[in-house]
């Protein structure tokens, strides 16, 4: 039997996860570390390209999250 959280709690948890930088940072470092290891071990350029894209995507998401957090503190309207 699956236990389900109340909708308000679920929304709060998802919102908190969306604006927490630590998990995204760990995921970005993990993508880069494992991608670098795989690319150097297998001598595969495509794995290296995928690692760079994943690292850049993680970095970009962190920048957007921090920028959005700053915008919400100053009261700027957001979409």
N, C-alpha and C. Protein backbone atom coordinates (compact mmCIF):
# COMPACT_ATOMS: atom_id res chain seq x y z
N UNK A 1 0.83 -1.17 0.00
CA UNK A 1 0.00 0.00 0.00
C UNK A 1 0.89 1.25 0.00
N UNK A 2 0.64 2.15 -0.91
CA UNK A 2 1.45 3.35 -1.06
C UNK A 2 0.88 4.47 -0.20
N UNK A 3 1.75 5.11 0.56
CA UNK A 3 1.34 6.25 1.38
C UNK A 3 1.55 7.51 0.55
N UNK A 4 0.53 8.33 0.50
CA UNK A 4 0.59 9.53 -0.31
C UNK A 4 0.62 10.76 0.59
N UNK A 5 1.51 11.71 0.23
CA UNK A 5 1.58 12.95 0.99
C UNK A 5 0.40 13.85 0.61
N UNK A 6 0.00 14.71 1.52
CA UNK A 6 -1.02 15.70 1.16
C UNK A 6 -0.49 16.62 0.05
N UNK A 7 -1.40 17.16 -0.74
CA UNK A 7 -1.00 17.97 -1.89
C UNK A 7 -0.17 19.18 -1.48
N UNK A 8 -0.51 19.82 -0.37
CA UNK A 8 0.26 20.99 0.06
C UNK A 8 1.69 20.62 0.42
N UNK A 9 1.88 19.50 1.08
CA UNK A 9 3.22 19.04 1.43
C UNK A 9 4.00 18.68 0.17
N UNK A 10 3.36 17.99 -0.77
CA UNK A 10 4.02 17.61 -2.02
C UNK A 10 4.47 18.86 -2.78
N UNK A 11 3.61 19.86 -2.86
CA UNK A 11 3.96 21.10 -3.56
C UNK A 11 5.13 21.80 -2.88
N UNK A 12 5.13 21.81 -1.56
CA UNK A 12 6.23 22.44 -0.82
C UNK A 12 7.55 21.71 -1.04
N UNK A 13 7.51 20.39 -1.05
CA UNK A 13 8.74 19.61 -1.27
C UNK A 13 9.29 19.81 -2.68
N UNK A 14 8.41 19.79 -3.66
CA UNK A 14 8.85 19.99 -5.04
C UNK A 14 9.40 21.40 -5.24
N UNK A 15 8.73 22.39 -4.67
CA UNK A 15 9.21 23.77 -4.78
C UNK A 15 10.58 23.93 -4.13
N UNK A 16 10.76 23.30 -2.97
CA UNK A 16 12.05 23.38 -2.30
C UNK A 16 13.15 22.71 -3.12
N UNK A 17 12.84 21.59 -3.72
CA UNK A 17 13.82 20.88 -4.54
C UNK A 17 14.18 21.68 -5.78
N UNK A 18 13.23 22.42 -6.32
CA UNK A 18 13.48 23.19 -7.54
C UNK A 18 14.41 24.37 -7.29
N UNK A 19 14.49 24.86 -6.06
CA UNK A 19 15.31 26.03 -5.78
C UNK A 19 16.48 25.73 -4.86
N UNK A 20 16.81 24.47 -4.65
CA UNK A 20 17.95 24.10 -3.83
C UNK A 20 19.16 23.87 -4.71
N UNK A 21 20.23 24.57 -4.44
CA UNK A 21 21.41 24.54 -5.30
C UNK A 21 22.26 23.29 -5.06
N UNK A 22 22.30 22.80 -3.84
CA UNK A 22 23.20 21.69 -3.50
C UNK A 22 22.98 20.43 -4.35
N UNK A 23 21.74 19.93 -4.52
CA UNK A 23 21.59 18.73 -5.34
C UNK A 23 22.02 18.94 -6.80
N UNK A 24 21.75 20.12 -7.33
CA UNK A 24 22.13 20.40 -8.71
C UNK A 24 23.65 20.48 -8.84
N UNK A 25 24.32 21.02 -7.84
CA UNK A 25 25.77 21.09 -7.85
C UNK A 25 26.38 19.70 -7.79
N UNK A 26 25.86 18.87 -6.91
CA UNK A 26 26.36 17.49 -6.81
C UNK A 26 26.13 16.73 -8.11
N UNK A 27 24.96 16.90 -8.70
CA UNK A 27 24.67 16.23 -9.96
C UNK A 27 25.60 16.72 -11.07
N UNK A 28 25.87 18.01 -11.13
CA UNK A 28 26.78 18.54 -12.14
C UNK A 28 28.19 18.00 -11.98
N UNK A 29 28.69 17.99 -10.75
CA UNK A 29 30.03 17.43 -10.52
C UNK A 29 30.08 15.94 -10.84
N UNK A 30 29.02 15.23 -10.53
CA UNK A 30 28.97 13.80 -10.84
C UNK A 30 28.98 13.56 -12.34
N UNK A 31 28.20 14.33 -13.07
CA UNK A 31 28.18 14.19 -14.53
C UNK A 31 29.56 14.45 -15.11
N UNK A 32 30.21 15.50 -14.65
CA UNK A 32 31.53 15.84 -15.18
C UNK A 32 32.57 14.79 -14.78
N UNK A 33 32.56 14.36 -13.54
CA UNK A 33 33.57 13.39 -13.08
C UNK A 33 33.43 12.05 -13.80
N UNK A 34 32.21 11.52 -13.84
CA UNK A 34 32.01 10.23 -14.49
C UNK A 34 32.21 10.34 -16.00
N UNK A 35 31.74 11.44 -16.59
CA UNK A 35 31.94 11.65 -18.01
C UNK A 35 33.41 11.77 -18.38
N UNK A 36 34.17 12.50 -17.56
CA UNK A 36 35.60 12.63 -17.83
C UNK A 36 36.31 11.28 -17.71
N UNK A 37 35.96 10.53 -16.68
CA UNK A 37 36.56 9.21 -16.50
C UNK A 37 36.24 8.30 -17.69
N UNK A 38 34.98 8.28 -18.10
CA UNK A 38 34.58 7.43 -19.22
C UNK A 38 35.23 7.88 -20.52
N UNK A 39 35.28 9.19 -20.74
CA UNK A 39 35.86 9.70 -21.99
C UNK A 39 37.35 9.41 -22.08
N UNK A 40 38.08 9.56 -20.98
CA UNK A 40 39.52 9.29 -21.02
C UNK A 40 39.82 7.80 -21.05
N UNK A 41 38.98 7.01 -20.41
CA UNK A 41 39.21 5.57 -20.41
C UNK A 41 38.93 4.96 -21.78
N UNK A 42 37.82 5.38 -22.39
CA UNK A 42 37.42 4.81 -23.68
C UNK A 42 37.95 5.59 -24.88
N UNK A 43 38.60 6.73 -24.62
CA UNK A 43 39.11 7.59 -25.69
C UNK A 43 38.01 7.92 -26.71
N UNK A 44 36.86 8.32 -26.17
CA UNK A 44 35.69 8.61 -27.01
C UNK A 44 35.37 10.09 -26.95
N UNK A 45 35.42 10.73 -28.10
CA UNK A 45 35.16 12.16 -28.17
C UNK A 45 33.71 12.49 -27.87
N UNK A 46 32.77 11.63 -28.29
CA UNK A 46 31.35 11.89 -28.08
C UNK A 46 30.98 11.86 -26.61
N UNK A 47 31.60 11.01 -25.85
CA UNK A 47 31.34 10.99 -24.40
C UNK A 47 31.86 12.29 -23.78
N UNK A 48 33.01 12.76 -24.27
CA UNK A 48 33.55 14.02 -23.78
C UNK A 48 32.61 15.18 -24.12
N UNK A 49 32.07 15.19 -25.34
CA UNK A 49 31.13 16.23 -25.74
C UNK A 49 29.88 16.17 -24.87
N UNK A 50 29.37 14.97 -24.62
CA UNK A 50 28.19 14.82 -23.76
C UNK A 50 28.48 15.31 -22.34
N UNK A 51 29.69 15.04 -21.84
CA UNK A 51 30.09 15.48 -20.51
C UNK A 51 30.14 17.00 -20.45
N UNK A 52 30.69 17.63 -21.46
CA UNK A 52 30.75 19.09 -21.48
C UNK A 52 29.34 19.68 -21.54
N UNK A 53 28.49 19.12 -22.38
CA UNK A 53 27.10 19.61 -22.47
C UNK A 53 26.37 19.45 -21.15
N UNK A 54 26.54 18.31 -20.49
CA UNK A 54 25.90 18.10 -19.20
C UNK A 54 26.41 19.04 -18.13
N UNK A 55 27.72 19.27 -18.12
CA UNK A 55 28.30 20.22 -17.17
C UNK A 55 27.82 21.63 -17.40
N UNK A 56 27.76 22.04 -18.67
CA UNK A 56 27.27 23.39 -18.99
C UNK A 56 25.79 23.54 -18.65
N UNK A 57 25.01 22.50 -18.89
CA UNK A 57 23.59 22.56 -18.56
C UNK A 57 23.39 22.68 -17.05
N UNK A 58 24.16 21.94 -16.28
CA UNK A 58 24.07 22.03 -14.82
C UNK A 58 24.47 23.42 -14.33
N UNK A 59 25.55 23.94 -14.88
CA UNK A 59 26.02 25.27 -14.50
C UNK A 59 24.98 26.33 -14.86
N UNK A 60 24.39 26.21 -16.04
CA UNK A 60 23.37 27.16 -16.46
C UNK A 60 22.15 27.12 -15.56
N UNK A 61 21.73 25.91 -15.19
CA UNK A 61 20.57 25.80 -14.30
C UNK A 61 20.86 26.42 -12.94
N UNK A 62 22.06 26.22 -12.42
CA UNK A 62 22.43 26.83 -11.14
C UNK A 62 22.39 28.35 -11.25
N UNK A 63 22.92 28.88 -12.35
CA UNK A 63 22.90 30.34 -12.54
C UNK A 63 21.48 30.86 -12.63
N UNK A 64 20.61 30.17 -13.34
CA UNK A 64 19.21 30.60 -13.45
C UNK A 64 18.52 30.53 -12.09
N UNK A 65 18.79 29.48 -11.33
CA UNK A 65 18.17 29.36 -10.00
C UNK A 65 18.61 30.49 -9.09
N UNK A 66 19.90 30.81 -9.09
CA UNK A 66 20.40 31.88 -8.23
C UNK A 66 19.87 33.24 -8.68
N UNK A 67 19.81 33.44 -9.97
CA UNK A 67 19.28 34.71 -10.50
C UNK A 67 17.79 34.85 -10.15
N UNK A 68 17.04 33.78 -10.30
CA UNK A 68 15.62 33.82 -9.98
C UNK A 68 15.40 34.07 -8.49
N UNK A 69 16.23 33.47 -7.67
CA UNK A 69 16.13 33.68 -6.23
C UNK A 69 16.38 35.15 -5.89
N UNK A 70 17.38 35.75 -6.56
CA UNK A 70 17.67 37.16 -6.31
C UNK A 70 16.52 38.05 -6.80
N UNK A 71 15.93 37.71 -7.96
CA UNK A 71 14.82 38.49 -8.48
C UNK A 71 13.61 38.43 -7.55
N UNK A 72 13.32 37.26 -6.98
CA UNK A 72 12.16 37.16 -6.11
C UNK A 72 12.36 37.91 -4.80
N UNK A 73 13.61 38.02 -4.34
CA UNK A 73 13.87 38.78 -3.12
C UNK A 73 13.71 40.28 -3.33
N UNK A 74 14.01 40.76 -4.54
CA UNK A 74 13.89 42.19 -4.80
C UNK A 74 12.50 42.60 -5.22
N UNK A 75 11.61 41.63 -5.44
CA UNK A 75 10.23 41.94 -5.77
C UNK A 75 9.95 42.14 -7.25
N UNK A 76 10.89 41.78 -8.11
CA UNK A 76 10.64 41.89 -9.55
C UNK A 76 9.59 40.85 -9.96
N UNK A 77 8.70 41.21 -10.84
CA UNK A 77 7.71 40.22 -11.29
C UNK A 77 8.36 39.13 -12.13
N UNK A 78 7.89 37.93 -11.96
CA UNK A 78 8.39 36.80 -12.74
C UNK A 78 7.23 36.12 -13.43
N UNK A 79 7.56 35.36 -14.44
CA UNK A 79 6.51 34.63 -15.17
C UNK A 79 6.23 33.32 -14.51
